[in-house]
N, C-alpha and C. Protein backbone atom coordinates (compact mmCIF):
# COMPACT_ATOMS: atom_id res chain seq x y z
N MET A 1 0.82 -1.19 0.00
CA MET A 1 0.00 0.00 0.00
C MET A 1 0.87 1.26 0.00
N GLN A 2 1.93 1.22 0.78
CA GLN A 2 2.83 2.37 0.91
C GLN A 2 3.42 2.74 -0.44
N GLN A 3 3.81 1.78 -1.20
CA GLN A 3 4.47 2.03 -2.47
C GLN A 3 3.50 2.62 -3.50
N ALA A 4 2.28 2.24 -3.53
CA ALA A 4 1.29 2.75 -4.48
C ALA A 4 1.02 4.23 -4.25
N SER A 5 0.98 4.67 -3.01
CA SER A 5 0.69 6.09 -2.73
C SER A 5 1.87 6.98 -3.16
N THR A 6 3.11 6.55 -3.04
CA THR A 6 4.24 7.36 -3.46
C THR A 6 4.29 7.49 -4.97
N VAL A 7 3.87 6.45 -5.67
CA VAL A 7 3.84 6.52 -7.12
C VAL A 7 2.79 7.53 -7.56
N SER A 8 1.62 7.51 -6.96
CA SER A 8 0.55 8.43 -7.36
C SER A 8 0.86 9.87 -6.95
N GLU A 9 1.61 10.09 -5.84
CA GLU A 9 1.98 11.44 -5.42
C GLU A 9 3.08 12.01 -6.31
N SER A 10 3.98 11.18 -6.81
CA SER A 10 5.07 11.68 -7.63
C SER A 10 4.60 12.03 -9.05
N ARG A 11 3.54 11.44 -9.51
CA ARG A 11 3.04 11.75 -10.85
C ARG A 11 2.56 13.20 -10.95
N PRO A 12 1.76 13.73 -10.04
CA PRO A 12 1.38 15.15 -10.13
C PRO A 12 2.58 16.09 -10.04
N ARG A 13 3.59 15.69 -9.25
CA ARG A 13 4.79 16.52 -9.17
C ARG A 13 5.51 16.56 -10.52
N ARG A 14 5.56 15.44 -11.18
CA ARG A 14 6.21 15.39 -12.48
C ARG A 14 5.44 16.23 -13.50
N ILE A 15 4.14 16.18 -13.45
CA ILE A 15 3.32 16.97 -14.37
C ILE A 15 3.53 18.46 -14.09
N ALA A 16 3.53 18.86 -12.82
CA ALA A 16 3.74 20.25 -12.45
C ALA A 16 5.14 20.71 -12.87
N HIS A 17 6.13 19.84 -12.67
CA HIS A 17 7.49 20.18 -13.06
C HIS A 17 7.59 20.35 -14.59
N PHE A 18 6.95 19.44 -15.33
CA PHE A 18 6.95 19.52 -16.78
C PHE A 18 6.27 20.81 -17.25
N ALA A 19 5.13 21.17 -16.65
CA ALA A 19 4.41 22.40 -17.01
C ALA A 19 5.25 23.64 -16.70
N ALA A 20 5.94 23.62 -15.57
CA ALA A 20 6.79 24.75 -15.19
C ALA A 20 7.95 24.88 -16.19
N MET A 21 8.54 23.80 -16.59
CA MET A 21 9.64 23.84 -17.54
C MET A 21 9.17 24.37 -18.91
N ARG A 22 7.97 23.95 -19.32
CA ARG A 22 7.41 24.45 -20.59
C ARG A 22 7.15 25.95 -20.52
N ALA A 23 6.64 26.42 -19.38
CA ALA A 23 6.38 27.85 -19.20
C ALA A 23 7.67 28.65 -19.24
N VAL A 24 8.71 28.15 -18.60
CA VAL A 24 10.00 28.83 -18.60
C VAL A 24 10.56 28.87 -20.02
N ALA A 25 10.46 27.78 -20.75
CA ALA A 25 10.95 27.73 -22.13
C ALA A 25 10.19 28.73 -23.00
N PHE A 26 8.87 28.85 -22.79
CA PHE A 26 8.08 29.80 -23.54
C PHE A 26 8.51 31.23 -23.23
N LEU A 27 8.69 31.55 -21.96
CA LEU A 27 9.07 32.90 -21.55
C LEU A 27 10.46 33.28 -22.05
N ARG A 28 11.35 32.29 -22.20
CA ARG A 28 12.68 32.57 -22.73
C ARG A 28 12.66 32.97 -24.20
N ARG A 29 11.62 32.51 -24.92
CA ARG A 29 11.52 32.85 -26.34
C ARG A 29 11.02 34.27 -26.56
N ILE A 30 10.38 34.89 -25.59
CA ILE A 30 9.87 36.26 -25.74
C ILE A 30 11.03 37.24 -25.58
N PRO A 31 11.21 38.14 -26.51
CA PRO A 31 12.30 39.11 -26.43
C PRO A 31 11.94 40.26 -25.47
N PHE A 32 12.10 40.02 -24.17
CA PHE A 32 11.68 40.99 -23.16
C PHE A 32 12.37 42.34 -23.32
N ARG A 33 13.65 42.31 -23.63
CA ARG A 33 14.36 43.59 -23.75
C ARG A 33 13.75 44.45 -24.85
N GLU A 34 13.44 43.83 -26.00
CA GLU A 34 12.86 44.57 -27.11
C GLU A 34 11.46 45.07 -26.78
N VAL A 35 10.68 44.24 -26.11
CA VAL A 35 9.32 44.64 -25.74
C VAL A 35 9.37 45.81 -24.76
N VAL A 36 10.20 45.71 -23.74
CA VAL A 36 10.32 46.78 -22.76
C VAL A 36 10.84 48.06 -23.42
N ALA A 37 11.80 47.94 -24.31
CA ALA A 37 12.34 49.11 -24.99
C ALA A 37 11.28 49.77 -25.87
N SER A 38 10.51 48.99 -26.62
CA SER A 38 9.48 49.58 -27.48
C SER A 38 8.37 50.23 -26.67
N VAL A 39 7.98 49.62 -25.55
CA VAL A 39 6.97 50.23 -24.68
C VAL A 39 7.49 51.55 -24.12
N ALA A 40 8.74 51.58 -23.70
CA ALA A 40 9.32 52.81 -23.15
C ALA A 40 9.35 53.92 -24.22
N VAL A 41 9.74 53.57 -25.44
CA VAL A 41 9.79 54.57 -26.51
C VAL A 41 8.39 55.10 -26.83
N LEU A 42 7.41 54.19 -26.92
CA LEU A 42 6.05 54.62 -27.22
C LEU A 42 5.46 55.48 -26.11
N LEU A 43 5.75 55.14 -24.87
CA LEU A 43 5.27 55.96 -23.76
C LEU A 43 5.94 57.32 -23.77
N PHE A 44 7.20 57.36 -24.12
CA PHE A 44 7.92 58.64 -24.20
C PHE A 44 7.36 59.52 -25.31
N MET A 45 6.95 58.89 -26.43
CA MET A 45 6.39 59.64 -27.57
C MET A 45 5.05 60.28 -27.22
N GLY A 46 4.33 59.74 -26.29
CA GLY A 46 3.06 60.33 -25.88
C GLY A 46 1.86 59.57 -26.39
N GLU A 47 0.78 60.31 -26.63
CA GLU A 47 -0.50 59.74 -27.01
C GLU A 47 -0.47 59.17 -28.42
N ASN A 48 -0.06 57.96 -28.56
CA ASN A 48 -0.03 57.28 -29.84
C ASN A 48 -0.64 55.90 -29.68
N TYR A 49 -1.23 55.41 -30.76
CA TYR A 49 -1.80 54.09 -30.73
C TYR A 49 -0.72 53.07 -30.39
N PRO A 50 -0.95 52.11 -29.55
CA PRO A 50 -2.16 51.74 -28.83
C PRO A 50 -2.26 52.39 -27.44
N PHE A 51 -1.41 53.33 -27.13
CA PHE A 51 -1.41 53.97 -25.81
C PHE A 51 -2.15 55.29 -25.87
N SER A 52 -3.37 55.26 -26.32
CA SER A 52 -4.13 56.49 -26.50
C SER A 52 -5.40 56.45 -25.66
N ASN A 53 -5.75 57.60 -25.12
CA ASN A 53 -7.00 57.73 -24.38
C ASN A 53 -8.12 58.26 -25.27
N PHE A 54 -7.87 58.39 -26.56
CA PHE A 54 -8.84 58.97 -27.46
C PHE A 54 -10.09 58.11 -27.52
N PRO A 55 -11.25 58.66 -27.15
CA PRO A 55 -12.49 57.87 -27.21
C PRO A 55 -13.05 57.88 -28.63
N MET A 56 -12.82 56.84 -29.38
CA MET A 56 -13.12 56.82 -30.81
C MET A 56 -14.59 57.11 -31.12
N TYR A 57 -15.52 56.56 -30.36
CA TYR A 57 -16.92 56.72 -30.68
C TYR A 57 -17.69 57.40 -29.55
N ALA A 58 -17.02 58.10 -28.69
CA ALA A 58 -17.69 58.69 -27.53
C ALA A 58 -18.37 60.01 -27.87
N ALA A 59 -17.95 60.71 -28.88
CA ALA A 59 -18.52 62.01 -29.19
C ALA A 59 -19.03 62.03 -30.63
N LEU A 60 -20.27 61.62 -30.82
CA LEU A 60 -20.85 61.64 -32.15
C LEU A 60 -21.37 63.04 -32.45
N SER A 61 -21.28 63.45 -33.70
CA SER A 61 -21.74 64.79 -34.06
C SER A 61 -23.26 64.83 -34.02
N GLY A 62 -23.79 66.02 -33.96
CA GLY A 62 -25.24 66.18 -33.90
C GLY A 62 -25.89 66.25 -35.26
N GLU A 63 -25.15 65.90 -36.32
CA GLU A 63 -25.68 65.99 -37.67
C GLU A 63 -25.25 64.78 -38.49
N ALA A 64 -26.16 64.30 -39.33
CA ALA A 64 -25.86 63.20 -40.25
C ALA A 64 -26.37 63.60 -41.64
N THR A 65 -25.61 63.26 -42.66
CA THR A 65 -25.96 63.61 -44.03
C THR A 65 -26.04 62.35 -44.87
N ILE A 66 -27.08 62.28 -45.68
CA ILE A 66 -27.27 61.13 -46.57
C ILE A 66 -27.43 61.66 -47.99
N LEU A 67 -26.71 61.07 -48.92
CA LEU A 67 -26.85 61.39 -50.34
C LEU A 67 -27.50 60.20 -51.03
N PHE A 68 -28.40 60.50 -51.98
CA PHE A 68 -28.96 59.41 -52.77
C PHE A 68 -29.41 59.93 -54.12
N PHE A 69 -29.43 59.02 -55.10
CA PHE A 69 -29.84 59.34 -56.45
C PHE A 69 -31.24 58.77 -56.70
N THR A 70 -32.00 59.48 -57.51
CA THR A 70 -33.28 58.97 -58.01
C THR A 70 -33.35 59.24 -59.50
N ASP A 71 -34.28 58.55 -60.17
CA ASP A 71 -34.53 58.90 -61.56
C ASP A 71 -35.53 60.06 -61.58
N ALA A 72 -36.01 60.45 -62.74
CA ALA A 72 -36.91 61.61 -62.86
C ALA A 72 -38.26 61.36 -62.17
N LYS A 73 -38.62 60.09 -61.98
CA LYS A 73 -39.88 59.76 -61.31
C LYS A 73 -39.67 59.52 -59.81
N ASP A 74 -38.50 59.88 -59.29
CA ASP A 74 -38.12 59.73 -57.87
C ASP A 74 -38.05 58.28 -57.40
N ASN A 75 -37.71 57.36 -58.30
CA ASN A 75 -37.38 55.99 -57.91
C ASN A 75 -35.90 55.97 -57.55
N VAL A 76 -35.57 55.44 -56.39
CA VAL A 76 -34.19 55.46 -55.91
C VAL A 76 -33.31 54.59 -56.80
N VAL A 77 -32.12 55.11 -57.12
CA VAL A 77 -31.12 54.40 -57.93
C VAL A 77 -29.98 54.00 -56.99
N ALA A 78 -29.66 52.71 -56.97
CA ALA A 78 -28.60 52.23 -56.07
C ALA A 78 -27.24 52.73 -56.56
N PHE A 79 -26.39 53.15 -55.63
CA PHE A 79 -25.06 53.64 -55.98
C PHE A 79 -24.25 52.56 -56.67
N HIS A 80 -24.18 51.39 -56.03
CA HIS A 80 -23.30 50.34 -56.55
C HIS A 80 -23.80 49.82 -57.90
N ALA A 81 -25.09 49.55 -57.99
CA ALA A 81 -25.63 49.02 -59.24
C ALA A 81 -25.64 50.09 -60.33
N GLY A 82 -25.91 51.33 -59.94
CA GLY A 82 -26.01 52.40 -60.93
C GLY A 82 -24.69 52.96 -61.37
N PHE A 83 -23.73 53.05 -60.44
CA PHE A 83 -22.48 53.74 -60.76
C PHE A 83 -21.23 52.95 -60.39
N ALA A 84 -21.38 51.74 -59.87
CA ALA A 84 -20.24 50.92 -59.45
C ALA A 84 -19.38 51.66 -58.43
N THR A 85 -20.03 52.33 -57.49
CA THR A 85 -19.35 53.05 -56.42
C THR A 85 -20.21 52.98 -55.16
N SER A 86 -19.70 53.52 -54.08
CA SER A 86 -20.45 53.49 -52.82
C SER A 86 -20.88 54.90 -52.44
N SER A 87 -21.85 55.00 -51.55
CA SER A 87 -22.32 56.32 -51.12
C SER A 87 -21.22 57.08 -50.38
N ASP A 88 -20.39 56.38 -49.63
CA ASP A 88 -19.27 57.05 -48.95
C ASP A 88 -18.30 57.66 -49.95
N GLU A 89 -18.04 56.92 -51.02
CA GLU A 89 -17.11 57.43 -52.04
C GLU A 89 -17.70 58.67 -52.73
N VAL A 90 -19.00 58.64 -53.00
CA VAL A 90 -19.65 59.79 -53.63
C VAL A 90 -19.63 60.99 -52.68
N ARG A 91 -19.85 60.74 -51.40
CA ARG A 91 -19.80 61.83 -50.41
C ARG A 91 -18.41 62.45 -50.35
N LYS A 92 -17.37 61.62 -50.40
CA LYS A 92 -15.99 62.14 -50.40
C LYS A 92 -15.70 62.95 -51.66
N ILE A 93 -16.15 62.44 -52.80
CA ILE A 93 -15.95 63.17 -54.06
C ILE A 93 -16.65 64.52 -53.99
N LEU A 94 -17.88 64.53 -53.48
CA LEU A 94 -18.63 65.79 -53.39
C LEU A 94 -17.94 66.76 -52.44
N ARG A 95 -17.44 66.27 -51.32
CA ARG A 95 -16.73 67.14 -50.37
C ARG A 95 -15.50 67.76 -51.04
N ASN A 96 -14.75 66.95 -51.79
CA ASN A 96 -13.57 67.47 -52.50
C ASN A 96 -13.95 68.46 -53.60
N LYS A 97 -15.03 68.18 -54.31
CA LYS A 97 -15.49 69.11 -55.35
C LYS A 97 -15.94 70.44 -54.73
N ARG A 98 -16.56 70.38 -53.54
CA ARG A 98 -16.95 71.61 -52.85
C ARG A 98 -15.72 72.42 -52.44
N LYS A 99 -14.69 71.73 -51.96
CA LYS A 99 -13.45 72.44 -51.59
C LYS A 99 -12.83 73.10 -52.81
N GLU A 100 -12.79 72.37 -53.93
CA GLU A 100 -12.22 72.91 -55.16
C GLU A 100 -13.01 74.13 -55.64
N ALA A 101 -14.33 74.04 -55.58
CA ALA A 101 -15.17 75.17 -56.03
C ALA A 101 -14.99 76.38 -55.11
N LYS A 102 -14.86 76.13 -53.81
CA LYS A 102 -14.66 77.24 -52.86
C LYS A 102 -13.30 77.89 -53.11
N ARG A 103 -12.28 77.07 -53.35
CA ARG A 103 -10.94 77.59 -53.63
C ARG A 103 -10.93 78.39 -54.93
N ALA A 104 -11.59 77.89 -55.95
CA ALA A 104 -11.64 78.58 -57.24
C ALA A 104 -12.38 79.91 -57.12
N ALA A 105 -13.44 79.93 -56.32
CA ALA A 105 -14.19 81.17 -56.14
C ALA A 105 -13.37 82.20 -55.37
N SER A 106 -12.60 81.76 -54.39
CA SER A 106 -11.79 82.71 -53.61
C SER A 106 -10.64 83.24 -54.45
N VAL A 107 -10.10 82.42 -55.35
CA VAL A 107 -9.01 82.87 -56.22
C VAL A 107 -9.54 83.84 -57.27
N GLY A 108 -10.73 83.55 -57.80
CA GLY A 108 -11.30 84.40 -58.84
C GLY A 108 -11.87 85.70 -58.32
N GLY A 109 -12.01 85.85 -57.02
CA GLY A 109 -12.53 87.07 -56.43
C GLY A 109 -14.04 87.19 -56.50
N GLU A 110 -14.72 86.11 -56.91
CA GLU A 110 -16.17 86.13 -56.99
C GLU A 110 -16.76 85.81 -55.62
N PRO A 111 -17.98 86.26 -55.35
CA PRO A 111 -18.61 85.92 -54.07
C PRO A 111 -18.89 84.42 -54.00
N ALA A 112 -18.44 83.79 -52.94
CA ALA A 112 -18.56 82.34 -52.80
C ALA A 112 -19.77 82.01 -51.93
N THR A 113 -20.96 82.02 -52.53
CA THR A 113 -22.15 81.64 -51.78
C THR A 113 -22.23 80.11 -51.73
N ASP A 114 -22.86 79.62 -50.69
CA ASP A 114 -23.00 78.17 -50.55
C ASP A 114 -23.78 77.56 -51.71
N GLU A 115 -24.80 78.28 -52.18
CA GLU A 115 -25.61 77.77 -53.28
C GLU A 115 -24.79 77.66 -54.56
N ARG A 116 -23.99 78.65 -54.82
CA ARG A 116 -23.15 78.65 -56.03
C ARG A 116 -22.09 77.55 -55.95
N ILE A 117 -21.46 77.39 -54.79
CA ILE A 117 -20.46 76.34 -54.59
C ILE A 117 -21.09 74.96 -54.76
N ASP A 118 -22.29 74.77 -54.18
CA ASP A 118 -22.98 73.49 -54.32
C ASP A 118 -23.31 73.19 -55.78
N LYS A 119 -23.74 74.19 -56.51
CA LYS A 119 -24.07 74.00 -57.93
C LYS A 119 -22.85 73.55 -58.72
N GLN A 120 -21.74 74.24 -58.52
CA GLN A 120 -20.51 73.89 -59.23
C GLN A 120 -20.01 72.51 -58.83
N ALA A 121 -20.05 72.22 -57.54
CA ALA A 121 -19.54 70.94 -57.04
C ALA A 121 -20.39 69.77 -57.51
N THR A 122 -21.71 69.92 -57.45
CA THR A 122 -22.57 68.81 -57.88
C THR A 122 -22.51 68.61 -59.38
N ALA A 123 -22.37 69.70 -60.14
CA ALA A 123 -22.21 69.54 -61.59
C ALA A 123 -20.91 68.80 -61.91
N ALA A 124 -19.84 69.13 -61.20
CA ALA A 124 -18.57 68.43 -61.41
C ALA A 124 -18.68 66.97 -60.98
N LEU A 125 -19.41 66.71 -59.90
CA LEU A 125 -19.60 65.33 -59.44
C LEU A 125 -20.35 64.52 -60.48
N LEU A 126 -21.44 65.07 -60.99
CA LEU A 126 -22.21 64.34 -62.01
C LEU A 126 -21.40 64.11 -63.27
N ARG A 127 -20.62 65.11 -63.68
CA ARG A 127 -19.75 64.92 -64.86
C ARG A 127 -18.76 63.78 -64.62
N GLN A 128 -18.19 63.74 -63.42
CA GLN A 128 -17.21 62.68 -63.12
C GLN A 128 -17.88 61.31 -63.11
N LEU A 129 -19.05 61.20 -62.47
CA LEU A 129 -19.73 59.91 -62.40
C LEU A 129 -20.18 59.45 -63.78
N LEU A 130 -20.74 60.36 -64.56
CA LEU A 130 -21.17 59.97 -65.90
C LEU A 130 -19.99 59.67 -66.81
N GLY A 131 -18.88 60.38 -66.61
CA GLY A 131 -17.66 60.08 -67.37
C GLY A 131 -17.11 58.70 -67.05
N SER A 132 -17.20 58.31 -65.78
CA SER A 132 -16.72 56.99 -65.42
C SER A 132 -17.62 55.90 -65.98
N LEU A 133 -18.91 56.20 -66.16
CA LEU A 133 -19.83 55.22 -66.76
C LEU A 133 -19.55 55.00 -68.23
N GLU A 134 -18.97 56.00 -68.89
CA GLU A 134 -18.67 55.91 -70.32
C GLU A 134 -17.81 54.69 -70.61
N ASN A 135 -16.82 54.43 -69.75
CA ASN A 135 -15.91 53.32 -69.97
C ASN A 135 -16.42 52.01 -69.38
N VAL A 136 -17.14 52.09 -68.26
CA VAL A 136 -17.54 50.88 -67.55
C VAL A 136 -18.89 50.36 -68.03
N PHE A 137 -19.91 51.23 -67.99
CA PHE A 137 -21.27 50.83 -68.35
C PHE A 137 -21.86 51.82 -69.36
N PRO A 138 -21.47 51.77 -70.63
CA PRO A 138 -22.01 52.73 -71.59
C PRO A 138 -23.53 52.64 -71.73
N ALA A 139 -24.09 51.45 -71.62
CA ALA A 139 -25.54 51.29 -71.72
C ALA A 139 -26.24 51.97 -70.54
N ARG A 140 -25.61 51.91 -69.38
CA ARG A 140 -26.18 52.53 -68.18
C ARG A 140 -26.20 54.05 -68.33
N ARG A 141 -25.18 54.59 -68.94
CA ARG A 141 -25.14 56.05 -69.17
C ARG A 141 -26.28 56.49 -70.07
N GLU A 142 -26.54 55.74 -71.13
CA GLU A 142 -27.65 56.07 -72.04
C GLU A 142 -28.99 55.92 -71.32
N GLU A 143 -29.11 54.94 -70.46
CA GLU A 143 -30.34 54.75 -69.68
C GLU A 143 -30.57 55.95 -68.76
N ILE A 144 -29.50 56.47 -68.15
CA ILE A 144 -29.61 57.64 -67.28
C ILE A 144 -30.03 58.85 -68.10
N ARG A 145 -29.48 59.00 -69.29
CA ARG A 145 -29.86 60.13 -70.15
C ARG A 145 -31.35 60.06 -70.52
N ARG A 146 -31.85 58.86 -70.75
CA ARG A 146 -33.27 58.71 -71.11
C ARG A 146 -34.18 58.92 -69.90
N SER A 147 -33.79 58.37 -68.74
CA SER A 147 -34.68 58.42 -67.57
C SER A 147 -34.43 59.62 -66.67
N GLY A 148 -33.31 60.30 -66.82
CA GLY A 148 -32.99 61.44 -65.96
C GLY A 148 -32.35 60.98 -64.65
N LEU A 149 -31.82 61.93 -63.93
CA LEU A 149 -31.13 61.62 -62.67
C LEU A 149 -31.21 62.82 -61.75
N ARG A 150 -31.46 62.54 -60.47
CA ARG A 150 -31.49 63.59 -59.45
C ARG A 150 -30.60 63.16 -58.30
N LEU A 151 -29.90 64.13 -57.74
CA LEU A 151 -29.07 63.90 -56.56
C LEU A 151 -29.68 64.67 -55.40
N TYR A 152 -30.06 63.94 -54.36
CA TYR A 152 -30.65 64.55 -53.17
C TYR A 152 -29.69 64.45 -52.00
N GLU A 153 -29.84 65.39 -51.09
CA GLU A 153 -29.11 65.37 -49.82
C GLU A 153 -30.14 65.52 -48.70
N ILE A 154 -30.08 64.63 -47.73
CA ILE A 154 -30.93 64.74 -46.55
C ILE A 154 -30.02 64.95 -45.36
N ARG A 155 -30.31 65.99 -44.59
CA ARG A 155 -29.55 66.27 -43.37
C ARG A 155 -30.45 66.07 -42.18
N TYR A 156 -29.96 65.29 -41.24
CA TYR A 156 -30.64 65.10 -39.97
C TYR A 156 -29.84 65.85 -38.91
N ARG A 157 -30.51 66.76 -38.21
CA ARG A 157 -29.85 67.52 -37.15
C ARG A 157 -30.55 67.26 -35.83
N LYS A 158 -29.74 67.08 -34.82
CA LYS A 158 -30.27 66.90 -33.47
C LYS A 158 -30.55 68.29 -32.90
N THR A 159 -31.76 68.51 -32.45
CA THR A 159 -32.13 69.79 -31.86
C THR A 159 -32.64 69.55 -30.44
N ALA A 160 -32.93 70.63 -29.74
CA ALA A 160 -33.43 70.50 -28.37
C ALA A 160 -34.81 69.85 -28.37
N ASP A 161 -35.58 70.05 -29.45
CA ASP A 161 -36.94 69.49 -29.53
C ASP A 161 -36.97 68.08 -30.10
N GLY A 162 -35.89 67.60 -30.61
CA GLY A 162 -35.86 66.27 -31.20
C GLY A 162 -34.94 66.22 -32.41
N MET A 163 -35.53 65.91 -33.58
CA MET A 163 -34.75 65.75 -34.80
C MET A 163 -35.32 66.65 -35.89
N GLU A 164 -34.44 67.33 -36.60
CA GLU A 164 -34.82 68.19 -37.71
C GLU A 164 -34.32 67.57 -38.99
N THR A 165 -35.17 67.50 -40.01
CA THR A 165 -34.81 66.89 -41.29
C THR A 165 -34.88 67.95 -42.38
N ASP A 166 -33.85 67.97 -43.22
CA ASP A 166 -33.79 68.92 -44.32
C ASP A 166 -33.43 68.15 -45.59
N LYS A 167 -34.37 68.07 -46.53
CA LYS A 167 -34.12 67.36 -47.80
C LYS A 167 -34.04 68.40 -48.91
N ARG A 168 -32.97 68.32 -49.70
CA ARG A 168 -32.85 69.26 -50.82
C ARG A 168 -32.30 68.57 -52.06
N LEU A 169 -32.76 69.06 -53.17
CA LEU A 169 -32.29 68.59 -54.46
C LEU A 169 -31.01 69.33 -54.79
N LEU A 170 -29.91 68.58 -54.94
CA LEU A 170 -28.62 69.20 -55.23
C LEU A 170 -28.38 69.38 -56.72
N ALA A 171 -28.74 68.37 -57.50
CA ALA A 171 -28.50 68.43 -58.94
C ALA A 171 -29.50 67.57 -59.67
N GLU A 172 -29.71 67.92 -60.93
CA GLU A 172 -30.66 67.16 -61.73
C GLU A 172 -30.21 67.13 -63.18
N ILE A 173 -30.35 65.96 -63.79
CA ILE A 173 -30.17 65.81 -65.22
C ILE A 173 -31.55 65.48 -65.77
N ALA A 174 -32.09 66.37 -66.55
CA ALA A 174 -33.44 66.18 -67.08
C ALA A 174 -33.44 65.03 -68.08
N PRO A 175 -34.54 64.27 -68.11
CA PRO A 175 -34.59 63.16 -69.08
C PRO A 175 -34.69 63.67 -70.51
N GLU A 176 -34.03 62.98 -71.41
CA GLU A 176 -34.09 63.31 -72.83
C GLU A 176 -35.25 62.56 -73.44
N MET A 177 -35.94 63.22 -74.30
CA MET A 177 -37.11 62.58 -74.92
C MET A 177 -36.76 61.98 -76.24
């Protein structure tokens, strides 16, 4: 009986010893000096990823903007199917076209009203989108010319009373008969 208990007690010790040796071997493979040095450098540099306190989604703006296309009968046209692009990409293009129009107006010395800038920017956006269809989907471009195209912008603003919605027509291509 005495001998059986010593055999069973030594087995857990061997397992624990084996596990400890594996843990030590694993820790030896980690380059601690390099890790400590890189952490020290990043902390010295200041607020940089991944050592940042920046709350990525903690402060949402009080306004949201949606762009969408319709045909002349106000049937919604999908961005991807209609133009092989996304709504985010169109929003970025429009923002850049607005900046270009504002810059051109300030250089030319003309009064830069928001309405005038929007007109120039949306016209440039539509030219660019229709130009890109020329090479990719020529049949789609002709379909747009026949059915017409409208670009709308909807702005949702958070107010003290709730939500305010503003829908406006930015640009229109009249249908050809």
